[in-house]
Every structure is written in structure tokens, then in C-alpha cells.
Amino acid sequence: MAGFLIFGQDPIQIMEKKQIGFELTIFNNIEELSQTEQKLLTDAEKARENAYSPYSNFKVGAAVLLENGEVVIGNNQENSSYPSGLCAERVAVFQAGAIYPGVTIKTIAISATSKDYVVDKPAGPCGNCRQSIIEYEQKQKSPISILLRGEVGPIYKCDSMAHILPLAFSSSFLSDS
């Protein structure tokens, strides 16, 4: 609730505070997922095997399920000039957009592992990947559900990238309409 404080003659508006959050479903094992989600997560795990990560030793695989039933995979591709690499999520989403333009993305599964330690919790997408995925949500006007898993441990499911990227930048900021 907004209000005003008056100091001298100039009123100072007190802004309203709101908390932004989201719901997350946590599964303890893969058998709790639907058959389709199990296969998609398995595809992401297989995709991470071919990741090129000689610098971080952190392999990530992603699998995108499209509305037409096709699955497109991606994995992280590092480069000694770090900004030149690409995350698994963007590889998969951009490839889906290139091969199947206009086909709605339903779900993306992401799985991570490390050569140096056991990844026992889900690794969420980086900021660049979140922005890239939400761009597709905005373009297709429908949510993309996200499945996240480490090498072992729980599986997180979120119903939309918009939930984990509140106040997202969009094309509406680029025009005056």
C-alpha cells in the first residue's frame, strides 16, 4: 500500500513492497515423473555425455520436447575464450528454433554432472539461458516447463520459465507501443 510522508513542503511517496516467488515440485526419483518426462530427462543425461567442457569439467545436457513430439538435444560447448562457449540449454533451444521454426516448446529437461565431484542437486539455467528460454515463451505465448536434475538426487519441476525469471526483459521494452 502506497502512502506519503511530508517533510517540509515536498511530499515523499512511500512505495509498496511486494514479494515475488514461485512454486516448485520436487520429485525424489525419476519414477515419480510421467513416462514422457522420464524419457526427456534420460535424453538430457545422455546429451551431457558429449558435452565439451575441458575447462570447467562441468557437463550439462538439455533435451527439449516440442509440441510435435520431436526431442532436440544440446550440451554445453566450452571455449578457452569463455564468452565464446555456449550452454546446453541455449544449444538445444536455438537448435529447436532453427530446425522446427514456429513449433511450440513444451518442456526442457536439464541435467548436470562434474568430473571433479558428484552433483547431487539440480543446477538451474544461467541468466543468459533463462532470458533465451523466456524469449521463446513470450514468442509462443505459452509456458515452457522445466525439469532440473544433477547427477543424482532430487528432480525439480517448474511450470514456466516466467516463474524463475520474474520481471523478465521483453520486446515490449524496445518499442513505445
N, C-alpha and C. Protein backbone atom coordinates (compact mmCIF):
# COMPACT_ATOMS: atom_id res chain seq x y z
N MET A 1 0.84 -1.17 0.00
CA MET A 1 0.00 0.00 0.00
C MET A 1 0.89 1.23 0.00
N ALA A 2 0.67 2.10 -0.94
CA ALA A 2 1.48 3.31 -1.06
C ALA A 2 0.93 4.40 -0.13
N GLY A 3 1.81 5.23 0.37
CA GLY A 3 1.41 6.34 1.22
C GLY A 3 2.37 7.48 1.02
N PHE A 4 2.19 8.55 1.78
CA PHE A 4 3.04 9.72 1.63
C PHE A 4 3.55 10.18 2.99
N LEU A 5 4.78 10.63 3.03
CA LEU A 5 5.35 11.33 4.18
C LEU A 5 5.63 12.74 3.73
N ILE A 6 5.36 13.69 4.58
CA ILE A 6 5.61 15.08 4.19
C ILE A 6 6.70 15.65 5.07
N PHE A 7 7.82 16.03 4.43
CA PHE A 7 8.93 16.69 5.11
C PHE A 7 9.02 18.09 4.52
N GLY A 8 8.83 19.08 5.31
CA GLY A 8 8.83 20.44 4.76
C GLY A 8 7.63 20.60 3.86
N GLN A 9 7.86 21.00 2.62
CA GLN A 9 6.73 21.21 1.72
C GLN A 9 6.63 20.17 0.61
N ASP A 10 7.67 19.32 0.42
CA ASP A 10 7.67 18.34 -0.68
C ASP A 10 7.25 16.96 -0.16
N PRO A 11 6.15 16.40 -0.67
CA PRO A 11 5.75 15.06 -0.22
C PRO A 11 6.69 14.01 -0.81
N ILE A 12 6.99 12.99 -0.04
CA ILE A 12 7.82 11.87 -0.48
C ILE A 12 6.93 10.63 -0.45
N GLN A 13 6.79 9.98 -1.60
CA GLN A 13 5.93 8.82 -1.67
C GLN A 13 6.65 7.59 -1.12
N ILE A 14 5.95 6.82 -0.30
CA ILE A 14 6.47 5.55 0.20
C ILE A 14 5.96 4.47 -0.75
N MET A 15 6.86 3.73 -1.31
CA MET A 15 6.50 2.72 -2.30
C MET A 15 5.99 1.45 -1.63
N GLU A 16 5.16 0.76 -2.35
CA GLU A 16 4.61 -0.51 -1.89
C GLU A 16 5.67 -1.60 -2.06
N LYS A 17 5.74 -2.50 -1.11
CA LYS A 17 6.65 -3.64 -1.21
C LYS A 17 5.85 -4.89 -1.51
N LYS A 18 6.39 -5.69 -2.43
CA LYS A 18 5.77 -6.96 -2.78
C LYS A 18 6.85 -8.02 -2.80
N GLN A 19 6.48 -9.23 -2.46
CA GLN A 19 7.40 -10.34 -2.54
C GLN A 19 7.06 -11.15 -3.78
N ILE A 20 8.08 -11.54 -4.54
CA ILE A 20 7.89 -12.33 -5.74
C ILE A 20 8.46 -13.72 -5.46
N GLY A 21 7.70 -14.75 -5.77
CA GLY A 21 8.15 -16.12 -5.54
C GLY A 21 7.52 -17.06 -6.56
N PHE A 22 7.79 -18.34 -6.41
CA PHE A 22 7.21 -19.31 -7.33
C PHE A 22 7.09 -20.66 -6.65
N GLU A 23 6.27 -21.53 -7.23
CA GLU A 23 6.11 -22.89 -6.74
C GLU A 23 7.00 -23.82 -7.54
N LEU A 24 7.47 -24.83 -6.85
CA LEU A 24 8.38 -25.80 -7.42
C LEU A 24 7.92 -27.17 -6.93
N THR A 25 7.87 -28.14 -7.82
CA THR A 25 7.56 -29.51 -7.42
C THR A 25 8.88 -30.26 -7.32
N ILE A 26 9.07 -30.98 -6.23
CA ILE A 26 10.31 -31.73 -6.03
C ILE A 26 9.97 -33.22 -6.04
N PHE A 27 10.64 -33.94 -6.92
CA PHE A 27 10.48 -35.39 -7.02
C PHE A 27 11.74 -36.04 -6.45
N ASN A 28 11.56 -37.12 -5.71
CA ASN A 28 12.71 -37.80 -5.10
C ASN A 28 13.38 -38.79 -6.04
N ASN A 29 12.64 -39.29 -7.03
CA ASN A 29 13.26 -40.19 -8.01
C ASN A 29 12.53 -40.07 -9.34
N ILE A 30 13.18 -40.53 -10.37
CA ILE A 30 12.69 -40.36 -11.73
C ILE A 30 11.38 -41.10 -11.98
N GLU A 31 11.12 -42.18 -11.23
CA GLU A 31 9.90 -42.95 -11.42
C GLU A 31 8.64 -42.16 -11.06
N GLU A 32 8.79 -41.07 -10.32
CA GLU A 32 7.65 -40.23 -9.96
C GLU A 32 7.19 -39.34 -11.12
N LEU A 33 8.01 -39.22 -12.15
CA LEU A 33 7.68 -38.41 -13.32
C LEU A 33 6.82 -39.21 -14.29
N SER A 34 6.14 -38.51 -15.20
CA SER A 34 5.41 -39.20 -16.26
C SER A 34 6.42 -39.92 -17.16
N GLN A 35 5.95 -40.86 -17.96
CA GLN A 35 6.83 -41.59 -18.89
C GLN A 35 7.53 -40.62 -19.85
N THR A 36 6.79 -39.63 -20.33
CA THR A 36 7.36 -38.65 -21.25
C THR A 36 8.46 -37.85 -20.57
N GLU A 37 8.23 -37.41 -19.34
CA GLU A 37 9.23 -36.64 -18.60
C GLU A 37 10.45 -37.49 -18.26
N GLN A 38 10.23 -38.77 -17.93
CA GLN A 38 11.35 -39.68 -17.66
C GLN A 38 12.25 -39.80 -18.88
N LYS A 39 11.64 -40.00 -20.04
CA LYS A 39 12.43 -40.13 -21.28
C LYS A 39 13.18 -38.85 -21.58
N LEU A 40 12.52 -37.70 -21.39
CA LEU A 40 13.16 -36.42 -21.68
C LEU A 40 14.36 -36.20 -20.77
N LEU A 41 14.22 -36.52 -19.49
CA LEU A 41 15.34 -36.38 -18.56
C LEU A 41 16.47 -37.35 -18.91
N THR A 42 16.13 -38.54 -19.30
CA THR A 42 17.14 -39.52 -19.74
C THR A 42 17.85 -39.01 -20.99
N ASP A 43 17.11 -38.39 -21.91
CA ASP A 43 17.73 -37.80 -23.11
C ASP A 43 18.71 -36.69 -22.73
N ALA A 44 18.36 -35.88 -21.74
CA ALA A 44 19.26 -34.81 -21.27
C ALA A 44 20.52 -35.41 -20.65
N GLU A 45 20.36 -36.48 -19.89
CA GLU A 45 21.51 -37.15 -19.28
C GLU A 45 22.44 -37.72 -20.35
N LYS A 46 21.87 -38.31 -21.39
CA LYS A 46 22.68 -38.84 -22.49
C LYS A 46 23.38 -37.71 -23.23
N ALA A 47 22.68 -36.60 -23.43
CA ALA A 47 23.25 -35.46 -24.16
C ALA A 47 24.46 -34.89 -23.43
N ARG A 48 24.43 -34.89 -22.12
CA ARG A 48 25.55 -34.31 -21.35
C ARG A 48 26.84 -35.11 -21.53
N GLU A 49 26.73 -36.39 -21.90
CA GLU A 49 27.92 -37.22 -22.10
C GLU A 49 28.82 -36.66 -23.20
N ASN A 50 28.24 -35.98 -24.18
CA ASN A 50 29.01 -35.44 -25.30
C ASN A 50 29.35 -33.96 -25.15
N ALA A 51 29.14 -33.43 -23.95
CA ALA A 51 29.48 -32.03 -23.71
C ALA A 51 30.98 -31.84 -23.87
N TYR A 52 31.36 -30.65 -24.31
CA TYR A 52 32.77 -30.29 -24.43
C TYR A 52 33.07 -29.31 -23.30
N SER A 53 33.66 -29.83 -22.20
CA SER A 53 33.88 -28.99 -21.01
C SER A 53 35.28 -29.20 -20.42
N PRO A 54 36.33 -29.02 -21.22
CA PRO A 54 37.68 -29.27 -20.72
C PRO A 54 38.16 -28.25 -19.68
N TYR A 55 37.48 -27.13 -19.55
CA TYR A 55 37.93 -26.07 -18.63
C TYR A 55 37.22 -26.15 -17.29
N SER A 56 35.92 -26.36 -17.31
CA SER A 56 35.15 -26.42 -16.06
C SER A 56 34.97 -27.84 -15.55
N ASN A 57 35.11 -28.83 -16.43
CA ASN A 57 34.81 -30.22 -16.09
C ASN A 57 33.38 -30.39 -15.61
N PHE A 58 32.51 -29.47 -15.99
CA PHE A 58 31.09 -29.48 -15.61
C PHE A 58 30.28 -29.69 -16.87
N LYS A 59 29.70 -30.89 -17.00
CA LYS A 59 28.96 -31.24 -18.21
C LYS A 59 27.46 -31.06 -17.98
N VAL A 60 26.83 -30.42 -18.94
CA VAL A 60 25.40 -30.19 -18.87
C VAL A 60 24.76 -30.69 -20.16
N GLY A 61 23.64 -31.37 -20.01
CA GLY A 61 22.87 -31.82 -21.15
C GLY A 61 21.46 -31.26 -21.06
N ALA A 62 20.86 -30.99 -22.18
CA ALA A 62 19.49 -30.48 -22.22
C ALA A 62 18.74 -31.22 -23.32
N ALA A 63 17.47 -31.44 -23.06
CA ALA A 63 16.59 -32.05 -24.05
C ALA A 63 15.29 -31.25 -24.07
N VAL A 64 14.90 -30.84 -25.27
CA VAL A 64 13.71 -30.01 -25.47
C VAL A 64 12.63 -30.87 -26.12
N LEU A 65 11.45 -30.89 -25.50
CA LEU A 65 10.30 -31.59 -26.08
C LEU A 65 9.43 -30.56 -26.80
N LEU A 66 9.18 -30.82 -28.07
CA LEU A 66 8.35 -29.93 -28.88
C LEU A 66 6.92 -30.45 -28.95
N GLU A 67 6.01 -29.54 -29.29
CA GLU A 67 4.59 -29.89 -29.40
C GLU A 67 4.34 -31.00 -30.41
N ASN A 68 5.18 -31.11 -31.43
CA ASN A 68 5.01 -32.15 -32.44
C ASN A 68 5.60 -33.50 -32.01
N GLY A 69 6.10 -33.59 -30.77
CA GLY A 69 6.65 -34.84 -30.24
C GLY A 69 8.13 -35.02 -30.45
N GLU A 70 8.74 -34.15 -31.26
CA GLU A 70 10.18 -34.25 -31.50
C GLU A 70 10.96 -33.82 -30.25
N VAL A 71 12.12 -34.43 -30.07
CA VAL A 71 13.02 -34.06 -28.98
C VAL A 71 14.32 -33.57 -29.60
N VAL A 72 14.77 -32.40 -29.16
CA VAL A 72 16.01 -31.81 -29.65
C VAL A 72 16.95 -31.70 -28.47
N ILE A 73 18.19 -32.16 -28.64
CA ILE A 73 19.14 -32.15 -27.53
C ILE A 73 20.22 -31.09 -27.72
N GLY A 74 20.89 -30.79 -26.64
CA GLY A 74 22.03 -29.89 -26.65
C GLY A 74 22.91 -30.19 -25.46
N ASN A 75 24.16 -29.75 -25.53
CA ASN A 75 25.08 -29.87 -24.40
C ASN A 75 26.01 -28.68 -24.41
N ASN A 76 26.63 -28.42 -23.27
CA ASN A 76 27.49 -27.24 -23.21
C ASN A 76 28.74 -27.45 -24.07
N GLN A 77 29.16 -26.35 -24.69
CA GLN A 77 30.31 -26.33 -25.58
C GLN A 77 31.21 -25.19 -25.13
N GLU A 78 32.27 -25.53 -24.40
CA GLU A 78 33.16 -24.50 -23.86
C GLU A 78 34.21 -24.08 -24.88
N ASN A 79 34.87 -22.99 -24.55
CA ASN A 79 35.91 -22.45 -25.41
C ASN A 79 36.92 -21.78 -24.50
N SER A 80 38.20 -21.82 -24.85
CA SER A 80 39.22 -21.18 -23.99
C SER A 80 38.97 -19.69 -23.86
N SER A 81 38.31 -19.10 -24.83
CA SER A 81 37.84 -17.72 -24.71
C SER A 81 36.40 -17.83 -24.20
N TYR A 82 36.25 -17.88 -22.86
CA TYR A 82 34.98 -18.22 -22.23
C TYR A 82 33.72 -17.63 -22.84
N PRO A 83 33.68 -16.38 -23.20
CA PRO A 83 32.42 -15.88 -23.75
C PRO A 83 32.01 -16.55 -25.07
N SER A 84 32.94 -17.25 -25.70
CA SER A 84 32.63 -17.89 -26.98
C SER A 84 31.93 -19.23 -26.82
N GLY A 85 31.88 -19.77 -25.63
CA GLY A 85 31.20 -21.04 -25.41
C GLY A 85 29.69 -20.85 -25.38
N LEU A 86 28.98 -21.95 -25.26
CA LEU A 86 27.52 -21.89 -25.22
C LEU A 86 26.99 -22.97 -24.28
N CYS A 87 25.99 -22.62 -23.51
CA CYS A 87 25.36 -23.53 -22.55
C CYS A 87 24.46 -24.54 -23.26
N ALA A 88 24.26 -25.67 -22.61
CA ALA A 88 23.43 -26.75 -23.17
C ALA A 88 22.01 -26.29 -23.48
N GLU A 89 21.45 -25.48 -22.58
CA GLU A 89 20.07 -25.03 -22.75
C GLU A 89 19.90 -24.22 -24.03
N ARG A 90 20.83 -23.29 -24.26
CA ARG A 90 20.72 -22.45 -25.45
C ARG A 90 21.02 -23.25 -26.71
N VAL A 91 21.97 -24.19 -26.64
CA VAL A 91 22.23 -25.04 -27.80
C VAL A 91 20.94 -25.77 -28.20
N ALA A 92 20.25 -26.36 -27.23
CA ALA A 92 19.03 -27.13 -27.51
C ALA A 92 17.89 -26.24 -27.99
N VAL A 93 17.65 -25.13 -27.29
CA VAL A 93 16.54 -24.24 -27.65
C VAL A 93 16.77 -23.60 -29.01
N PHE A 94 17.99 -23.11 -29.26
CA PHE A 94 18.28 -22.48 -30.55
C PHE A 94 18.21 -23.50 -31.69
N GLN A 95 18.69 -24.72 -31.43
CA GLN A 95 18.61 -25.76 -32.46
C GLN A 95 17.14 -26.09 -32.76
N ALA A 96 16.32 -26.18 -31.72
CA ALA A 96 14.89 -26.45 -31.92
C ALA A 96 14.26 -25.34 -32.77
N GLY A 97 14.62 -24.09 -32.47
CA GLY A 97 14.09 -22.96 -33.24
C GLY A 97 14.57 -22.97 -34.68
N ALA A 98 15.78 -23.46 -34.91
CA ALA A 98 16.33 -23.49 -36.26
C ALA A 98 15.76 -24.64 -37.09
N ILE A 99 15.59 -25.79 -36.47
CA ILE A 99 15.12 -26.97 -37.20
C ILE A 99 13.60 -27.00 -37.32
N TYR A 100 12.91 -26.55 -36.25
CA TYR A 100 11.45 -26.58 -36.21
C TYR A 100 10.89 -25.19 -35.91
N PRO A 101 11.11 -24.23 -36.81
CA PRO A 101 10.63 -22.87 -36.53
C PRO A 101 9.11 -22.85 -36.37
N GLY A 102 8.66 -22.14 -35.36
CA GLY A 102 7.23 -22.00 -35.13
C GLY A 102 6.59 -23.13 -34.36
N VAL A 103 7.34 -24.20 -34.08
CA VAL A 103 6.78 -25.31 -33.30
C VAL A 103 6.99 -25.00 -31.81
N THR A 104 5.93 -25.12 -31.04
CA THR A 104 5.94 -24.77 -29.63
C THR A 104 6.83 -25.71 -28.82
N ILE A 105 7.64 -25.11 -27.95
CA ILE A 105 8.45 -25.87 -26.99
C ILE A 105 7.57 -26.12 -25.77
N LYS A 106 7.44 -27.37 -25.39
CA LYS A 106 6.61 -27.73 -24.23
C LYS A 106 7.43 -27.83 -22.94
N THR A 107 8.56 -28.53 -23.01
CA THR A 107 9.35 -28.81 -21.81
C THR A 107 10.83 -28.83 -22.17
N ILE A 108 11.65 -28.41 -21.22
CA ILE A 108 13.09 -28.58 -21.35
C ILE A 108 13.59 -29.29 -20.09
N ALA A 109 14.36 -30.35 -20.28
CA ALA A 109 14.98 -31.09 -19.19
C ALA A 109 16.47 -30.77 -19.20
N ILE A 110 17.03 -30.54 -18.01
CA ILE A 110 18.44 -30.15 -17.90
C ILE A 110 19.08 -31.02 -16.83
N SER A 111 20.23 -31.58 -17.16
CA SER A 111 20.95 -32.45 -16.23
C SER A 111 22.43 -32.09 -16.22
N ALA A 112 23.03 -32.11 -15.04
CA ALA A 112 24.44 -31.71 -14.90
C ALA A 112 25.23 -32.75 -14.12
N THR A 113 26.52 -32.84 -14.48
CA THR A 113 27.45 -33.71 -13.78
C THR A 113 28.82 -33.04 -13.79
N SER A 114 29.70 -33.51 -12.93
CA SER A 114 31.05 -32.97 -12.87
C SER A 114 32.07 -34.09 -12.82
N LYS A 115 33.20 -33.84 -13.43
CA LYS A 115 34.32 -34.79 -13.38
C LYS A 115 34.96 -34.76 -11.99
N ASP A 116 34.79 -33.64 -11.27
CA ASP A 116 35.50 -33.42 -10.01
C ASP A 116 34.72 -33.77 -8.75
N TYR A 117 33.40 -33.85 -8.83
CA TYR A 117 32.57 -34.14 -7.66
C TYR A 117 31.20 -34.62 -8.11
N VAL A 118 30.43 -35.17 -7.19
CA VAL A 118 29.08 -35.63 -7.50
C VAL A 118 28.12 -34.45 -7.40
N VAL A 119 27.41 -34.18 -8.48
CA VAL A 119 26.40 -33.11 -8.49
C VAL A 119 25.11 -33.72 -7.95
N ASP A 120 24.81 -33.40 -6.69
CA ASP A 120 23.68 -34.03 -6.01
C ASP A 120 22.47 -33.12 -5.83
N LYS A 121 22.48 -32.01 -6.56
CA LYS A 121 21.31 -31.12 -6.56
C LYS A 121 21.15 -30.54 -7.95
N PRO A 122 19.94 -30.16 -8.29
CA PRO A 122 19.71 -29.60 -9.64
C PRO A 122 20.46 -28.29 -9.86
N ALA A 123 20.99 -28.15 -11.05
CA ALA A 123 21.66 -26.91 -11.45
C ALA A 123 20.71 -26.15 -12.37
N GLY A 124 20.31 -24.97 -11.94
CA GLY A 124 19.40 -24.16 -12.74
C GLY A 124 20.12 -23.48 -13.89
N PRO A 125 19.37 -23.06 -14.89
CA PRO A 125 19.96 -22.36 -16.03
C PRO A 125 20.58 -21.02 -15.60
N CYS A 126 21.64 -20.63 -16.28
CA CYS A 126 22.27 -19.33 -16.01
C CYS A 126 21.32 -18.21 -16.47
N GLY A 127 21.66 -17.00 -16.17
CA GLY A 127 20.83 -15.86 -16.55
C GLY A 127 20.62 -15.73 -18.04
N ASN A 128 21.69 -15.94 -18.83
CA ASN A 128 21.56 -15.85 -20.29
C ASN A 128 20.59 -16.90 -20.82
N CYS A 129 20.67 -18.11 -20.27
CA CYS A 129 19.77 -19.18 -20.71
C CYS A 129 18.33 -18.89 -20.29
N ARG A 130 18.16 -18.38 -19.08
CA ARG A 130 16.80 -18.02 -18.63
C ARG A 130 16.18 -17.00 -19.57
N GLN A 131 16.96 -15.98 -19.93
CA GLN A 131 16.45 -14.95 -20.85
C GLN A 131 16.14 -15.54 -22.21
N SER A 132 16.98 -16.44 -22.70
CA SER A 132 16.74 -17.06 -24.01
C SER A 132 15.48 -17.92 -23.99
N ILE A 133 15.30 -18.69 -22.92
CA ILE A 133 14.12 -19.55 -22.83
C ILE A 133 12.85 -18.72 -22.69
N ILE A 134 12.91 -17.66 -21.88
CA ILE A 134 11.69 -16.85 -21.71
C ILE A 134 11.33 -16.13 -23.00
N GLU A 135 12.31 -15.83 -23.82
CA GLU A 135 12.03 -15.22 -25.12
C GLU A 135 11.14 -16.15 -25.95
N TYR A 136 11.43 -17.46 -25.90
CA TYR A 136 10.60 -18.43 -26.62
C TYR A 136 9.22 -18.54 -25.99
N GLU A 137 9.14 -18.50 -24.67
CA GLU A 137 7.82 -18.49 -24.01
C GLU A 137 7.00 -17.30 -24.48
N GLN A 138 7.62 -16.14 -24.51
CA GLN A 138 6.91 -14.93 -24.93
C GLN A 138 6.50 -15.01 -26.39
N LYS A 139 7.40 -15.51 -27.22
CA LYS A 139 7.12 -15.63 -28.66
C LYS A 139 5.98 -16.61 -28.93
N GLN A 140 5.99 -17.74 -28.24
CA GLN A 140 4.97 -18.76 -28.50
C GLN A 140 3.71 -18.57 -27.65
N LYS A 141 3.76 -17.61 -26.72
CA LYS A 141 2.61 -17.28 -25.87
C LYS A 141 2.11 -18.49 -25.09
N SER A 142 3.05 -19.34 -24.66
CA SER A 142 2.70 -20.46 -23.79
C SER A 142 3.93 -20.84 -22.96
N PRO A 143 3.69 -21.34 -21.75
CA PRO A 143 4.81 -21.64 -20.86
C PRO A 143 5.64 -22.83 -21.31
N ILE A 144 6.88 -22.83 -20.88
CA ILE A 144 7.80 -23.96 -21.09
C ILE A 144 8.10 -24.51 -19.70
N SER A 145 7.72 -25.76 -19.46
CA SER A 145 8.03 -26.35 -18.16
C SER A 145 9.50 -26.77 -18.14
N ILE A 146 10.08 -26.76 -16.94
CA ILE A 146 11.50 -27.02 -16.77
C ILE A 146 11.69 -28.17 -15.79
N LEU A 147 12.49 -29.15 -16.19
CA LEU A 147 12.90 -30.25 -15.31
C LEU A 147 14.39 -30.10 -15.06
N LEU A 148 14.79 -30.09 -13.80
CA LEU A 148 16.20 -29.92 -13.45
C LEU A 148 16.66 -31.08 -12.58
N ARG A 149 17.85 -31.60 -12.90
CA ARG A 149 18.43 -32.66 -12.07
C ARG A 149 19.94 -32.61 -12.15
N GLY A 150 20.56 -32.92 -11.04
CA GLY A 150 22.01 -33.12 -11.04
C GLY A 150 22.28 -34.53 -11.53
N GLU A 151 23.40 -35.03 -11.14
CA GLU A 151 23.79 -36.40 -11.49
C GLU A 151 22.95 -37.40 -10.70
N VAL A 152 22.68 -37.07 -9.46
CA VAL A 152 21.84 -37.86 -8.56
C VAL A 152 21.00 -36.87 -7.74
N GLY A 153 20.11 -37.39 -6.95
CA GLY A 153 19.35 -36.52 -6.06
C GLY A 153 18.01 -36.13 -6.62
N PRO A 154 17.40 -35.11 -6.02
CA PRO A 154 16.04 -34.73 -6.38
C PRO A 154 15.93 -34.13 -7.78
N ILE A 155 14.72 -34.12 -8.26
CA ILE A 155 14.38 -33.52 -9.55
C ILE A 155 13.43 -32.37 -9.25
N TYR A 156 13.74 -31.20 -9.78
CA TYR A 156 12.87 -30.04 -9.61
C TYR A 156 12.07 -29.84 -10.89
N LYS A 157 10.81 -29.50 -10.71
CA LYS A 157 9.97 -29.18 -11.87
C LYS A 157 9.30 -27.83 -11.62
N CYS A 158 9.41 -26.97 -12.60
CA CYS A 158 8.78 -25.66 -12.56
C CYS A 158 7.91 -25.54 -13.82
N ASP A 159 6.73 -24.97 -13.68
CA ASP A 159 5.78 -24.94 -14.79
C ASP A 159 6.05 -23.89 -15.85
N SER A 160 6.95 -22.93 -15.56
CA SER A 160 7.20 -21.87 -16.54
C SER A 160 8.51 -21.17 -16.21
N MET A 161 9.25 -20.80 -17.24
CA MET A 161 10.46 -20.01 -17.03
C MET A 161 10.10 -18.67 -16.40
N ALA A 162 8.92 -18.14 -16.70
CA ALA A 162 8.49 -16.87 -16.12
C ALA A 162 8.47 -16.94 -14.59
N HIS A 163 8.26 -18.13 -14.04
CA HIS A 163 8.25 -18.27 -12.59
C HIS A 163 9.64 -18.09 -11.99
N ILE A 164 10.67 -18.56 -12.69
CA ILE A 164 12.02 -18.44 -12.12
C ILE A 164 12.80 -17.26 -12.69
N LEU A 165 12.13 -16.48 -13.55
CA LEU A 165 12.71 -15.24 -14.04
C LEU A 165 11.64 -14.14 -13.99
N PRO A 166 11.28 -13.74 -12.77
CA PRO A 166 10.28 -12.68 -12.67
C PRO A 166 10.86 -11.36 -13.18
N LEU A 167 10.00 -10.49 -13.60
CA LEU A 167 10.38 -9.17 -14.11
C LEU A 167 11.30 -9.28 -15.32
N ALA A 168 11.06 -10.27 -16.15
CA ALA A 168 11.91 -10.53 -17.32
C ALA A 168 11.85 -9.37 -18.32
N PHE A 169 12.96 -9.17 -18.99
CA PHE A 169 13.04 -8.21 -20.10
C PHE A 169 12.29 -8.82 -21.27
N SER A 170 11.57 -7.98 -22.02
CA SER A 170 10.86 -8.47 -23.19
C SER A 170 10.91 -7.44 -24.31
N SER A 171 10.40 -7.85 -25.45
CA SER A 171 10.39 -6.95 -26.61
C SER A 171 9.54 -5.72 -26.37
N SER A 172 8.64 -5.76 -25.39
CA SER A 172 7.80 -4.60 -25.11
C SER A 172 8.62 -3.39 -24.67
N PHE A 173 9.83 -3.63 -24.16
CA PHE A 173 10.70 -2.54 -23.75
C PHE A 173 11.38 -1.86 -24.95
N LEU A 174 11.30 -2.48 -26.11
CA LEU A 174 12.02 -1.99 -27.29
C LEU A 174 11.15 -1.16 -28.22
N SER A 175 9.90 -0.94 -27.83
CA SER A 175 9.03 -0.09 -28.64
C SER A 175 8.19 0.79 -27.73
N ASP A 176 7.60 1.82 -28.29
CA ASP A 176 6.80 2.72 -27.47
C ASP A 176 5.31 2.42 -27.59
N SER A 177 4.96 1.21 -28.04
CA SER A 177 3.54 0.86 -28.10
C SER A 177 3.16 -0.05 -26.97
